[in-house]
Amino acid sequence: MRIVIAGGHGQIARRLERLLSAGGHEVAGIIRRPEQGDDLREAGAEPVLLDLEAASAEEVAAVLQGAGAAVFAAGAGPGSGKARKDTVDLGAAVLFADAAERAGVRRYIVVSSMGADAQHAGDSEFDVYLRAKGAADEDVRSRRRLDWTILRPGSLTNDAGTGLVQLKASTGRGMVPRDDVAAVLAELVETTATAGLTLELISGSVPVTVAVKDVAGN
């Protein structure tokens, strides 16, 4: 299956690219800078140069043509300023969903954030980020032509993954290695029974494959 990842050079995205490529999938990662291309090739992914803050829905849809799944893992990143929370974390998210619909891609995964809420109060950069992510999630939930799943990880770490997680509609606060987030995403891509679910993810005691099967069966 061809899988297209927005934010292809991100830390979670590159982990996910390795897993999907090793699983026999054809993976493409959307990046903004040409010098990031070698990192994607090393991860087994095809780099696609496209700026989601400037591209049209038609341009993004062309990249998504023939894909079996799309993953939105893009983000402006800490310290990028409040304005880019709206142009990337919200604007690019809406654009990518529009493009997926145009291209006829049904399976759609969003990497969101625990605490994302369109009504979140506050004026710090992180507050603006949580509002932008919450608004983007609300937009995706309204789309009937996408089989969407929204994943909201807790605090991210670079610790080695354990393969043991807690994945539920509500987990409470906690930490989770990026390795384990990528492992859950790789399972979700192929588990359409989780369509329509918003899930929180932290470290826990349940193997990733079992955790995904459990929420798919509920």
N, C-alpha and C. Protein backbone atom coordinates (compact mmCIF):
# COMPACT_ATOMS: atom_id res chain seq x y z
N MET A 1 0.84 -1.19 0.00
CA MET A 1 0.00 0.00 0.00
C MET A 1 0.89 1.25 0.00
N ARG A 2 0.49 2.24 -0.76
CA ARG A 2 1.18 3.53 -0.77
C ARG A 2 0.62 4.38 0.38
N ILE A 3 1.52 4.92 1.18
CA ILE A 3 1.14 5.72 2.33
C ILE A 3 1.90 7.04 2.25
N VAL A 4 1.18 8.15 2.35
CA VAL A 4 1.79 9.48 2.27
C VAL A 4 1.73 10.13 3.65
N ILE A 5 2.88 10.64 4.10
CA ILE A 5 3.00 11.25 5.42
C ILE A 5 3.32 12.72 5.28
N ALA A 6 2.45 13.58 5.81
CA ALA A 6 2.74 15.02 5.87
C ALA A 6 3.61 15.28 7.08
N GLY A 7 4.64 16.10 6.90
CA GLY A 7 5.61 16.29 7.97
C GLY A 7 6.59 15.15 8.00
N GLY A 8 7.04 14.75 6.81
CA GLY A 8 7.82 13.53 6.66
C GLY A 8 9.17 13.52 7.32
N HIS A 9 9.70 14.68 7.71
CA HIS A 9 11.01 14.72 8.34
C HIS A 9 10.92 14.80 9.86
N GLY A 10 9.72 14.78 10.40
CA GLY A 10 9.57 14.85 11.85
C GLY A 10 10.10 13.60 12.53
N GLN A 11 10.35 13.71 13.83
CA GLN A 11 10.94 12.58 14.55
C GLN A 11 10.03 11.36 14.57
N ILE A 12 8.75 11.56 14.78
CA ILE A 12 7.83 10.43 14.75
C ILE A 12 7.68 9.93 13.32
N ALA A 13 7.59 10.84 12.36
CA ALA A 13 7.39 10.45 10.96
C ALA A 13 8.52 9.56 10.46
N ARG A 14 9.76 9.92 10.78
CA ARG A 14 10.88 9.10 10.28
C ARG A 14 10.89 7.72 10.92
N ARG A 15 10.50 7.62 12.17
CA ARG A 15 10.36 6.31 12.79
C ARG A 15 9.25 5.51 12.10
N LEU A 16 8.14 6.18 11.80
CA LEU A 16 7.03 5.52 11.13
C LEU A 16 7.41 5.08 9.73
N GLU A 17 8.15 5.91 9.03
CA GLU A 17 8.60 5.55 7.68
C GLU A 17 9.42 4.27 7.68
N ARG A 18 10.30 4.15 8.65
CA ARG A 18 11.11 2.93 8.74
C ARG A 18 10.23 1.69 8.96
N LEU A 19 9.27 1.82 9.85
CA LEU A 19 8.40 0.69 10.16
C LEU A 19 7.55 0.30 8.95
N LEU A 20 6.96 1.28 8.29
CA LEU A 20 6.09 0.99 7.16
C LEU A 20 6.89 0.43 5.99
N SER A 21 8.05 1.01 5.74
CA SER A 21 8.90 0.52 4.66
C SER A 21 9.33 -0.92 4.93
N ALA A 22 9.72 -1.20 6.17
CA ALA A 22 10.13 -2.56 6.53
C ALA A 22 8.96 -3.54 6.40
N GLY A 23 7.75 -3.02 6.53
CA GLY A 23 6.56 -3.86 6.38
C GLY A 23 6.12 -4.05 4.95
N GLY A 24 6.90 -3.51 4.00
CA GLY A 24 6.60 -3.73 2.59
C GLY A 24 5.75 -2.67 1.94
N HIS A 25 5.49 -1.58 2.65
CA HIS A 25 4.68 -0.51 2.08
C HIS A 25 5.53 0.45 1.26
N GLU A 26 4.89 1.14 0.33
CA GLU A 26 5.52 2.22 -0.43
C GLU A 26 5.21 3.51 0.31
N VAL A 27 6.23 4.17 0.81
CA VAL A 27 6.03 5.32 1.69
C VAL A 27 6.58 6.58 1.04
N ALA A 28 5.80 7.66 1.11
CA ALA A 28 6.24 8.97 0.64
C ALA A 28 6.09 9.96 1.79
N GLY A 29 7.12 10.79 1.99
CA GLY A 29 7.06 11.80 3.03
C GLY A 29 7.16 13.19 2.44
N ILE A 30 6.22 14.05 2.80
CA ILE A 30 6.23 15.43 2.32
C ILE A 30 7.17 16.26 3.20
N ILE A 31 8.11 16.96 2.55
CA ILE A 31 9.10 17.77 3.26
C ILE A 31 9.16 19.17 2.64
N ARG A 32 9.71 20.11 3.41
CA ARG A 32 9.80 21.50 2.95
C ARG A 32 11.17 21.84 2.40
N ARG A 33 12.21 21.11 2.84
CA ARG A 33 13.57 21.48 2.46
C ARG A 33 14.27 20.32 1.75
N PRO A 34 14.90 20.59 0.61
CA PRO A 34 15.55 19.52 -0.16
C PRO A 34 16.60 18.75 0.64
N GLU A 35 17.30 19.44 1.54
CA GLU A 35 18.37 18.77 2.29
C GLU A 35 17.85 17.69 3.25
N GLN A 36 16.55 17.66 3.46
CA GLN A 36 15.97 16.62 4.31
C GLN A 36 15.76 15.30 3.57
N GLY A 37 15.92 15.34 2.26
CA GLY A 37 15.59 14.18 1.44
C GLY A 37 16.39 12.94 1.77
N ASP A 38 17.69 13.09 2.04
CA ASP A 38 18.53 11.93 2.31
C ASP A 38 18.09 11.19 3.57
N ASP A 39 17.62 11.94 4.57
CA ASP A 39 17.14 11.29 5.80
C ASP A 39 15.93 10.41 5.51
N LEU A 40 15.05 10.87 4.61
CA LEU A 40 13.88 10.06 4.28
C LEU A 40 14.27 8.82 3.48
N ARG A 41 15.20 9.01 2.54
CA ARG A 41 15.65 7.85 1.76
C ARG A 41 16.27 6.80 2.67
N GLU A 42 17.02 7.27 3.67
CA GLU A 42 17.64 6.34 4.62
C GLU A 42 16.56 5.59 5.40
N ALA A 43 15.42 6.24 5.63
CA ALA A 43 14.32 5.60 6.35
C ALA A 43 13.45 4.73 5.44
N GLY A 44 13.78 4.72 4.15
CA GLY A 44 13.03 3.90 3.21
C GLY A 44 11.84 4.59 2.57
N ALA A 45 11.82 5.92 2.65
CA ALA A 45 10.70 6.69 2.11
C ALA A 45 11.13 7.55 0.93
N GLU A 46 10.18 7.82 0.06
CA GLU A 46 10.39 8.73 -1.07
C GLU A 46 10.13 10.16 -0.59
N PRO A 47 11.13 11.06 -0.70
CA PRO A 47 10.89 12.44 -0.31
C PRO A 47 10.10 13.20 -1.39
N VAL A 48 9.11 13.94 -0.96
CA VAL A 48 8.30 14.76 -1.85
C VAL A 48 8.41 16.21 -1.38
N LEU A 49 8.99 17.06 -2.20
CA LEU A 49 9.22 18.45 -1.81
C LEU A 49 7.95 19.27 -2.06
N LEU A 50 7.35 19.75 -0.98
CA LEU A 50 6.10 20.52 -1.09
C LEU A 50 5.90 21.29 0.20
N ASP A 51 5.61 22.57 0.08
CA ASP A 51 5.38 23.42 1.25
C ASP A 51 3.87 23.49 1.51
N LEU A 52 3.43 22.86 2.59
CA LEU A 52 1.99 22.80 2.89
C LEU A 52 1.42 24.15 3.32
N GLU A 53 2.29 25.12 3.60
CA GLU A 53 1.80 26.46 3.92
C GLU A 53 1.54 27.27 2.66
N ALA A 54 2.04 26.80 1.51
CA ALA A 54 1.90 27.55 0.27
C ALA A 54 1.19 26.77 -0.82
N ALA A 55 1.12 25.46 -0.70
CA ALA A 55 0.56 24.60 -1.76
C ALA A 55 -0.96 24.71 -1.83
N SER A 56 -1.50 24.37 -2.98
CA SER A 56 -2.96 24.30 -3.16
C SER A 56 -3.43 22.88 -2.85
N ALA A 57 -4.72 22.74 -2.63
CA ALA A 57 -5.29 21.41 -2.39
C ALA A 57 -5.06 20.51 -3.60
N GLU A 58 -5.10 21.09 -4.80
CA GLU A 58 -4.88 20.30 -6.02
C GLU A 58 -3.46 19.75 -6.07
N GLU A 59 -2.48 20.58 -5.67
CA GLU A 59 -1.09 20.13 -5.68
C GLU A 59 -0.88 19.00 -4.67
N VAL A 60 -1.47 19.12 -3.50
CA VAL A 60 -1.32 18.07 -2.50
C VAL A 60 -2.07 16.81 -2.92
N ALA A 61 -3.24 17.00 -3.52
CA ALA A 61 -4.02 15.85 -3.98
C ALA A 61 -3.26 15.04 -5.02
N ALA A 62 -2.46 15.72 -5.84
CA ALA A 62 -1.67 15.02 -6.85
C ALA A 62 -0.67 14.08 -6.19
N VAL A 63 -0.11 14.49 -5.07
CA VAL A 63 0.82 13.64 -4.33
C VAL A 63 0.10 12.44 -3.72
N LEU A 64 -1.14 12.65 -3.34
CA LEU A 64 -1.92 11.62 -2.67
C LEU A 64 -2.60 10.64 -3.62
N GLN A 65 -2.56 10.91 -4.90
CA GLN A 65 -3.21 10.03 -5.87
C GLN A 65 -2.66 8.61 -5.74
N GLY A 66 -3.58 7.65 -5.64
CA GLY A 66 -3.19 6.25 -5.57
C GLY A 66 -2.80 5.77 -4.19
N ALA A 67 -2.81 6.66 -3.20
CA ALA A 67 -2.45 6.25 -1.84
C ALA A 67 -3.59 5.49 -1.18
N GLY A 68 -3.22 4.52 -0.35
CA GLY A 68 -4.22 3.80 0.42
C GLY A 68 -4.46 4.41 1.78
N ALA A 69 -3.53 5.27 2.21
CA ALA A 69 -3.66 5.92 3.52
C ALA A 69 -2.84 7.19 3.53
N ALA A 70 -3.27 8.13 4.36
CA ALA A 70 -2.55 9.39 4.55
C ALA A 70 -2.38 9.62 6.05
N VAL A 71 -1.23 10.14 6.44
CA VAL A 71 -0.93 10.41 7.85
C VAL A 71 -0.52 11.86 7.98
N PHE A 72 -1.24 12.62 8.80
CA PHE A 72 -0.85 14.01 9.04
C PHE A 72 -0.01 14.05 10.31
N ALA A 73 1.31 14.23 10.13
CA ALA A 73 2.24 14.29 11.25
C ALA A 73 3.03 15.59 11.23
N ALA A 74 2.55 16.58 10.51
CA ALA A 74 3.25 17.86 10.41
C ALA A 74 2.98 18.72 11.64
N GLY A 75 3.91 19.62 11.91
CA GLY A 75 3.73 20.56 13.00
C GLY A 75 4.71 21.70 12.87
N ALA A 76 4.32 22.87 13.34
CA ALA A 76 5.21 24.03 13.26
C ALA A 76 6.40 23.88 14.19
N GLY A 77 6.22 23.16 15.29
CA GLY A 77 7.31 22.92 16.22
C GLY A 77 7.44 24.00 17.28
N PRO A 78 8.03 23.66 18.43
CA PRO A 78 8.21 24.63 19.52
C PRO A 78 9.06 25.81 19.06
N GLY A 79 8.68 26.99 19.51
CA GLY A 79 9.46 28.18 19.20
C GLY A 79 9.24 28.75 17.82
N SER A 80 8.28 28.21 17.08
CA SER A 80 8.04 28.68 15.71
C SER A 80 7.16 29.92 15.66
N GLY A 81 6.58 30.28 16.79
CA GLY A 81 5.72 31.46 16.84
C GLY A 81 4.25 31.11 16.74
N LYS A 82 3.43 31.99 17.28
CA LYS A 82 1.99 31.72 17.33
C LYS A 82 1.36 31.65 15.94
N ALA A 83 1.80 32.51 15.02
CA ALA A 83 1.17 32.57 13.70
C ALA A 83 1.28 31.24 12.98
N ARG A 84 2.41 30.55 13.11
CA ARG A 84 2.60 29.29 12.39
C ARG A 84 1.80 28.14 13.00
N LYS A 85 1.33 28.33 14.21
CA LYS A 85 0.41 27.32 14.76
C LYS A 85 -0.87 27.30 13.93
N ASP A 86 -1.30 28.47 13.50
CA ASP A 86 -2.51 28.55 12.67
C ASP A 86 -2.23 28.13 11.23
N THR A 87 -1.06 28.45 10.69
CA THR A 87 -0.81 28.13 9.28
C THR A 87 -0.39 26.67 9.08
N VAL A 88 0.23 26.06 10.08
CA VAL A 88 0.67 24.67 9.95
C VAL A 88 -0.25 23.73 10.72
N ASP A 89 -0.30 23.89 12.04
CA ASP A 89 -1.03 22.93 12.87
C ASP A 89 -2.53 22.95 12.57
N LEU A 90 -3.05 24.05 12.10
CA LEU A 90 -4.45 24.10 11.68
C LEU A 90 -4.57 24.17 10.16
N GLY A 91 -3.97 25.19 9.55
CA GLY A 91 -4.16 25.41 8.12
C GLY A 91 -3.69 24.25 7.26
N ALA A 92 -2.48 23.76 7.51
CA ALA A 92 -1.95 22.64 6.71
C ALA A 92 -2.74 21.37 6.98
N ALA A 93 -3.23 21.21 8.21
CA ALA A 93 -4.04 20.03 8.53
C ALA A 93 -5.33 20.02 7.73
N VAL A 94 -5.99 21.16 7.64
CA VAL A 94 -7.22 21.26 6.86
C VAL A 94 -6.94 21.03 5.38
N LEU A 95 -5.84 21.63 4.90
CA LEU A 95 -5.46 21.46 3.50
C LEU A 95 -5.21 19.99 3.17
N PHE A 96 -4.49 19.29 4.04
CA PHE A 96 -4.16 17.89 3.79
C PHE A 96 -5.42 17.03 3.77
N ALA A 97 -6.36 17.32 4.65
CA ALA A 97 -7.63 16.59 4.66
C ALA A 97 -8.43 16.88 3.39
N ASP A 98 -8.46 18.15 2.98
CA ASP A 98 -9.14 18.50 1.71
C ASP A 98 -8.53 17.70 0.56
N ALA A 99 -7.21 17.65 0.52
CA ALA A 99 -6.51 16.96 -0.57
C ALA A 99 -6.79 15.46 -0.54
N ALA A 100 -6.84 14.88 0.65
CA ALA A 100 -7.15 13.45 0.77
C ALA A 100 -8.53 13.15 0.20
N GLU A 101 -9.48 14.00 0.49
CA GLU A 101 -10.83 13.81 -0.06
C GLU A 101 -10.82 13.93 -1.58
N ARG A 102 -10.11 14.93 -2.09
CA ARG A 102 -10.04 15.11 -3.54
C ARG A 102 -9.41 13.90 -4.22
N ALA A 103 -8.41 13.31 -3.56
CA ALA A 103 -7.69 12.18 -4.15
C ALA A 103 -8.39 10.84 -3.91
N GLY A 104 -9.45 10.87 -3.13
CA GLY A 104 -10.18 9.63 -2.85
C GLY A 104 -9.50 8.72 -1.85
N VAL A 105 -8.65 9.30 -0.99
CA VAL A 105 -7.99 8.51 0.05
C VAL A 105 -8.93 8.41 1.25
N ARG A 106 -9.30 7.20 1.64
CA ARG A 106 -10.24 7.04 2.75
C ARG A 106 -9.53 7.00 4.11
N ARG A 107 -8.49 6.17 4.23
CA ARG A 107 -7.85 5.99 5.53
C ARG A 107 -6.99 7.19 5.86
N TYR A 108 -7.26 7.80 7.00
CA TYR A 108 -6.65 9.09 7.33
C TYR A 108 -6.31 9.10 8.82
N ILE A 109 -5.03 9.25 9.13
CA ILE A 109 -4.57 9.25 10.51
C ILE A 109 -4.02 10.62 10.87
N VAL A 110 -4.37 11.11 12.02
CA VAL A 110 -3.89 12.41 12.50
C VAL A 110 -3.06 12.20 13.76
N VAL A 111 -1.86 12.76 13.77
CA VAL A 111 -1.06 12.83 15.00
C VAL A 111 -1.39 14.16 15.67
N SER A 112 -2.16 14.09 16.72
CA SER A 112 -2.60 15.29 17.42
C SER A 112 -1.81 15.44 18.71
N SER A 113 -2.42 15.96 19.74
CA SER A 113 -1.73 16.17 21.01
C SER A 113 -2.72 16.02 22.16
N MET A 114 -2.27 15.39 23.22
CA MET A 114 -3.11 15.33 24.40
C MET A 114 -3.39 16.75 24.88
N GLY A 115 -4.65 17.03 25.18
CA GLY A 115 -5.04 18.37 25.61
C GLY A 115 -5.49 19.27 24.48
N ALA A 116 -5.43 18.79 23.24
CA ALA A 116 -5.90 19.59 22.10
C ALA A 116 -7.37 19.93 22.28
N ASP A 117 -7.69 21.20 22.14
CA ASP A 117 -9.06 21.66 22.40
C ASP A 117 -9.24 23.01 21.72
N ALA A 118 -10.19 23.08 20.80
CA ALA A 118 -10.43 24.33 20.07
C ALA A 118 -10.85 25.47 21.00
N GLN A 119 -11.35 25.13 22.20
CA GLN A 119 -11.80 26.15 23.15
C GLN A 119 -10.79 26.38 24.27
N HIS A 120 -9.60 25.84 24.12
CA HIS A 120 -8.59 25.97 25.17
C HIS A 120 -8.28 27.44 25.44
N ALA A 121 -8.19 27.79 26.71
CA ALA A 121 -7.93 29.18 27.09
C ALA A 121 -6.43 29.45 27.19
N GLY A 122 -6.08 30.73 27.16
CA GLY A 122 -4.69 31.12 27.34
C GLY A 122 -4.10 31.74 26.10
N ASP A 123 -2.96 32.43 26.28
CA ASP A 123 -2.37 33.17 25.16
C ASP A 123 -0.90 32.82 24.93
N SER A 124 -0.40 31.80 25.61
CA SER A 124 0.99 31.39 25.35
C SER A 124 1.06 30.67 24.02
N GLU A 125 2.27 30.48 23.52
CA GLU A 125 2.43 29.76 22.26
C GLU A 125 1.86 28.34 22.36
N PHE A 126 2.06 27.70 23.50
CA PHE A 126 1.53 26.34 23.68
C PHE A 126 0.00 26.35 23.74
N ASP A 127 -0.59 27.38 24.35
CA ASP A 127 -2.04 27.50 24.36
C ASP A 127 -2.59 27.62 22.94
N VAL A 128 -1.93 28.45 22.13
CA VAL A 128 -2.35 28.63 20.74
C VAL A 128 -2.22 27.31 19.98
N TYR A 129 -1.15 26.59 20.28
CA TYR A 129 -0.93 25.28 19.66
C TYR A 129 -2.08 24.32 19.98
N LEU A 130 -2.45 24.24 21.25
CA LEU A 130 -3.53 23.32 21.64
C LEU A 130 -4.86 23.71 21.00
N ARG A 131 -5.11 25.01 20.86
CA ARG A 131 -6.33 25.45 20.17
C ARG A 131 -6.29 25.07 18.69
N ALA A 132 -5.13 25.28 18.05
CA ALA A 132 -5.01 24.96 16.63
C ALA A 132 -5.19 23.47 16.39
N LYS A 133 -4.55 22.64 17.22
CA LYS A 133 -4.69 21.19 17.07
C LYS A 133 -6.13 20.77 17.34
N GLY A 134 -6.76 21.38 18.33
CA GLY A 134 -8.15 21.04 18.62
C GLY A 134 -9.09 21.40 17.47
N ALA A 135 -8.86 22.57 16.88
CA ALA A 135 -9.69 22.99 15.74
C ALA A 135 -9.46 22.07 14.54
N ALA A 136 -8.21 21.66 14.32
CA ALA A 136 -7.91 20.74 13.22
C ALA A 136 -8.60 19.39 13.45
N ASP A 137 -8.59 18.92 14.69
CA ASP A 137 -9.26 17.66 15.00
C ASP A 137 -10.76 17.76 14.75
N GLU A 138 -11.35 18.87 15.15
CA GLU A 138 -12.78 19.07 14.92
C GLU A 138 -13.10 19.05 13.43
N ASP A 139 -12.23 19.67 12.64
CA ASP A 139 -12.45 19.68 11.20
C ASP A 139 -12.44 18.26 10.64
N VAL A 140 -11.47 17.46 11.04
CA VAL A 140 -11.39 16.08 10.54
C VAL A 140 -12.61 15.28 10.96
N ARG A 141 -13.06 15.46 12.19
CA ARG A 141 -14.21 14.69 12.67
C ARG A 141 -15.48 14.97 11.87
N SER A 142 -15.52 16.11 11.21
CA SER A 142 -16.72 16.48 10.45
C SER A 142 -16.75 15.86 9.05
N ARG A 143 -15.67 15.20 8.66
CA ARG A 143 -15.54 14.74 7.28
C ARG A 143 -16.03 13.29 7.13
N ARG A 144 -17.10 13.12 6.40
CA ARG A 144 -17.69 11.79 6.22
C ARG A 144 -16.98 10.97 5.15
N ARG A 145 -16.18 11.62 4.33
CA ARG A 145 -15.48 10.89 3.26
C ARG A 145 -14.11 10.38 3.69
N LEU A 146 -13.78 10.57 4.98
CA LEU A 146 -12.52 10.06 5.49
C LEU A 146 -12.78 9.05 6.61
N ASP A 147 -12.08 7.92 6.55
CA ASP A 147 -12.09 6.96 7.66
C ASP A 147 -10.95 7.36 8.60
N TRP A 148 -11.24 8.35 9.44
CA TRP A 148 -10.19 8.99 10.23
C TRP A 148 -10.02 8.35 11.60
N THR A 149 -8.79 8.40 12.09
CA THR A 149 -8.48 8.11 13.49
C THR A 149 -7.54 9.19 13.97
N ILE A 150 -7.83 9.76 15.12
CA ILE A 150 -7.00 10.81 15.71
C ILE A 150 -6.25 10.21 16.90
N LEU A 151 -4.92 10.34 16.87
CA LEU A 151 -4.08 9.84 17.96
C LEU A 151 -3.50 11.01 18.73
N ARG A 152 -3.71 11.00 20.05
CA ARG A 152 -3.23 12.07 20.91
C ARG A 152 -2.22 11.53 21.92
N PRO A 153 -0.94 11.56 21.58
CA PRO A 153 0.08 11.06 22.52
C PRO A 153 0.26 12.00 23.70
N GLY A 154 0.77 11.43 24.79
CA GLY A 154 1.16 12.24 25.94
C GLY A 154 2.49 12.90 25.68
N SER A 155 3.21 13.23 26.74
CA SER A 155 4.51 13.90 26.61
C SER A 155 5.50 12.97 25.93
N LEU A 156 6.12 13.45 24.87
CA LEU A 156 6.99 12.62 24.03
C LEU A 156 8.41 12.57 24.58
N THR A 157 9.01 11.38 24.50
CA THR A 157 10.41 11.21 24.91
C THR A 157 11.17 10.50 23.80
N ASN A 158 12.48 10.57 23.88
CA ASN A 158 13.34 9.85 22.95
C ASN A 158 13.90 8.56 23.57
N ASP A 159 13.30 8.13 24.66
CA ASP A 159 13.68 6.85 25.25
C ASP A 159 13.39 5.73 24.26
N ALA A 160 14.11 4.64 24.38
CA ALA A 160 13.83 3.48 23.54
C ALA A 160 12.42 2.96 23.81
N GLY A 161 11.73 2.60 22.75
CA GLY A 161 10.39 2.09 22.90
C GLY A 161 10.36 0.78 23.65
N THR A 162 9.29 0.56 24.39
CA THR A 162 9.11 -0.70 25.12
C THR A 162 8.12 -1.62 24.42
N GLY A 163 7.31 -1.04 23.51
CA GLY A 163 6.26 -1.82 22.87
C GLY A 163 5.07 -2.04 23.76
N LEU A 164 5.06 -1.39 24.93
CA LEU A 164 3.97 -1.54 25.89
C LEU A 164 3.32 -0.17 26.11
N VAL A 165 2.01 -0.10 25.91
CA VAL A 165 1.32 1.19 25.92
C VAL A 165 -0.03 1.09 26.62
N GLN A 166 -0.60 2.26 26.83
CA GLN A 166 -2.00 2.39 27.20
C GLN A 166 -2.67 3.23 26.12
N LEU A 167 -3.66 2.68 25.46
CA LEU A 167 -4.33 3.33 24.33
C LEU A 167 -5.83 3.29 24.58
N LYS A 168 -6.40 4.44 24.87
CA LYS A 168 -7.82 4.51 25.22
C LYS A 168 -8.38 5.87 24.80
N ALA A 169 -9.70 6.00 24.90
CA ALA A 169 -10.32 7.29 24.64
C ALA A 169 -9.80 8.33 25.64
N SER A 170 -9.52 7.90 26.86
CA SER A 170 -8.95 8.80 27.86
C SER A 170 -8.00 7.99 28.74
N THR A 171 -6.74 8.40 28.76
CA THR A 171 -5.74 7.69 29.54
C THR A 171 -5.28 8.45 30.77
N GLY A 172 -5.51 9.76 30.80
CA GLY A 172 -4.86 10.60 31.78
C GLY A 172 -3.47 10.95 31.29
N ARG A 173 -2.83 11.89 31.96
CA ARG A 173 -1.53 12.37 31.54
C ARG A 173 -0.46 11.30 31.71
N GLY A 174 0.57 11.40 30.89
CA GLY A 174 1.67 10.45 30.98
C GLY A 174 2.67 10.71 29.89
N MET A 175 3.72 9.92 29.88
CA MET A 175 4.78 10.05 28.88
C MET A 175 4.75 8.84 27.96
N VAL A 176 5.36 9.01 26.78
CA VAL A 176 5.42 7.90 25.83
C VAL A 176 6.60 8.13 24.87
N PRO A 177 7.42 7.10 24.64
CA PRO A 177 8.52 7.25 23.68
C PRO A 177 7.99 7.42 22.26
N ARG A 178 8.70 8.21 21.47
CA ARG A 178 8.32 8.39 20.07
C ARG A 178 8.33 7.05 19.32
N ASP A 179 9.23 6.14 19.71
CA ASP A 179 9.25 4.81 19.10
C ASP A 179 7.89 4.14 19.21
N ASP A 180 7.29 4.22 20.39
CA ASP A 180 6.01 3.55 20.61
C ASP A 180 4.86 4.27 19.91
N VAL A 181 4.95 5.60 19.79
CA VAL A 181 3.94 6.34 19.02
C VAL A 181 3.97 5.87 17.57
N ALA A 182 5.17 5.75 17.00
CA ALA A 182 5.29 5.30 15.61
C ALA A 182 4.76 3.88 15.45
N ALA A 183 5.03 3.02 16.42
CA ALA A 183 4.55 1.64 16.34
C ALA A 183 3.03 1.58 16.36
N VAL A 184 2.40 2.42 17.18
CA VAL A 184 0.94 2.47 17.22
C VAL A 184 0.39 3.01 15.89
N LEU A 185 1.01 4.05 15.36
CA LEU A 185 0.57 4.60 14.08
C LEU A 185 0.64 3.55 12.97
N ALA A 186 1.72 2.78 12.96
CA ALA A 186 1.87 1.74 11.93
C ALA A 186 0.74 0.73 12.01
N GLU A 187 0.30 0.41 13.21
CA GLU A 187 -0.83 -0.51 13.38
C GLU A 187 -2.14 0.16 12.96
N LEU A 188 -2.31 1.43 13.33
CA LEU A 188 -3.56 2.13 13.02
C LEU A 188 -3.78 2.29 11.53
N VAL A 189 -2.69 2.51 10.79
CA VAL A 189 -2.81 2.69 9.34
C VAL A 189 -3.58 1.53 8.71
N GLU A 190 -3.35 0.34 9.21
CA GLU A 190 -3.94 -0.84 8.60
C GLU A 190 -5.16 -1.37 9.36
N THR A 191 -5.56 -0.67 10.41
CA THR A 191 -6.68 -1.14 11.24
C THR A 191 -7.85 -0.20 11.06
N THR A 192 -8.62 -0.42 10.02
CA THR A 192 -9.72 0.51 9.71
C THR A 192 -10.85 0.42 10.74
N ALA A 193 -10.85 -0.60 11.58
CA ALA A 193 -11.88 -0.71 12.61
C ALA A 193 -11.76 0.39 13.65
N THR A 194 -10.64 1.12 13.66
CA THR A 194 -10.50 2.25 14.58
C THR A 194 -11.00 3.56 13.96
N ALA A 195 -11.56 3.51 12.78
CA ALA A 195 -12.08 4.72 12.14
C ALA A 195 -13.15 5.36 13.03
N GLY A 196 -13.08 6.69 13.13
CA GLY A 196 -14.05 7.42 13.93
C GLY A 196 -13.67 7.55 15.40
N LEU A 197 -12.46 7.10 15.77
CA LEU A 197 -12.05 7.16 17.17
C LEU A 197 -10.98 8.23 17.39
N THR A 198 -11.07 8.90 18.53
CA THR A 198 -10.02 9.78 19.02
C THR A 198 -9.41 9.10 20.22
N LEU A 199 -8.11 8.80 20.16
CA LEU A 199 -7.46 7.97 21.16
C LEU A 199 -6.28 8.68 21.81
N GLU A 200 -6.16 8.51 23.11
CA GLU A 200 -5.00 9.01 23.83
C GLU A 200 -4.01 7.86 24.03
N LEU A 201 -2.72 8.22 24.08
CA LEU A 201 -1.67 7.22 24.14
C LEU A 201 -0.59 7.63 25.13
N ILE A 202 -0.30 6.72 26.07
CA ILE A 202 0.83 6.88 26.98
C ILE A 202 1.47 5.51 27.16
N SER A 203 2.61 5.48 27.81
CA SER A 203 3.23 4.20 28.12
C SER A 203 2.33 3.41 29.07
N GLY A 204 2.40 2.09 28.94
CA GLY A 204 1.54 1.25 29.77
C GLY A 204 2.07 -0.16 29.85
N SER A 205 1.15 -1.12 29.89
CA SER A 205 1.54 -2.52 30.09
C SER A 205 0.99 -3.45 29.01
N VAL A 206 0.36 -2.89 27.99
CA VAL A 206 -0.28 -3.70 26.96
C VAL A 206 0.55 -3.62 25.67
N PRO A 207 0.88 -4.77 25.06
CA PRO A 207 1.60 -4.73 23.79
C PRO A 207 0.84 -3.92 22.73
N VAL A 208 1.59 -3.23 21.88
CA VAL A 208 0.98 -2.32 20.91
C VAL A 208 -0.09 -3.02 20.08
N THR A 209 0.20 -4.17 19.51
CA THR A 209 -0.78 -4.84 18.65
C THR A 209 -2.05 -5.19 19.41
N VAL A 210 -1.90 -5.61 20.65
CA VAL A 210 -3.06 -5.96 21.48
C VAL A 210 -3.86 -4.70 21.81
N ALA A 211 -3.17 -3.61 22.15
CA ALA A 211 -3.84 -2.36 22.51
C ALA A 211 -4.69 -1.85 21.34
N VAL A 212 -4.15 -1.92 20.13
CA VAL A 212 -4.90 -1.46 18.97
C VAL A 212 -6.10 -2.38 18.71
N LYS A 213 -5.90 -3.68 18.81
CA LYS A 213 -7.02 -4.61 18.63
C LYS A 213 -8.11 -4.40 19.66
N ASP A 214 -7.69 -4.09 20.89
CA ASP A 214 -8.68 -3.87 21.96
C ASP A 214 -9.56 -2.67 21.67
N VAL A 215 -8.96 -1.55 21.25
CA VAL A 215 -9.79 -0.36 20.98
C VAL A 215 -10.61 -0.56 19.71
N ALA A 216 -10.09 -1.32 18.76
CA ALA A 216 -10.83 -1.59 17.51
C ALA A 216 -12.07 -2.43 17.80
N GLY A 217 -11.99 -3.25 18.82
CA GLY A 217 -13.11 -4.13 19.12
C GLY A 217 -14.15 -3.53 20.01
N ASN A 218 -13.86 -2.35 20.57
CA ASN A 218 -14.82 -1.71 21.50
C ASN A 218 -15.88 -0.90 20.75
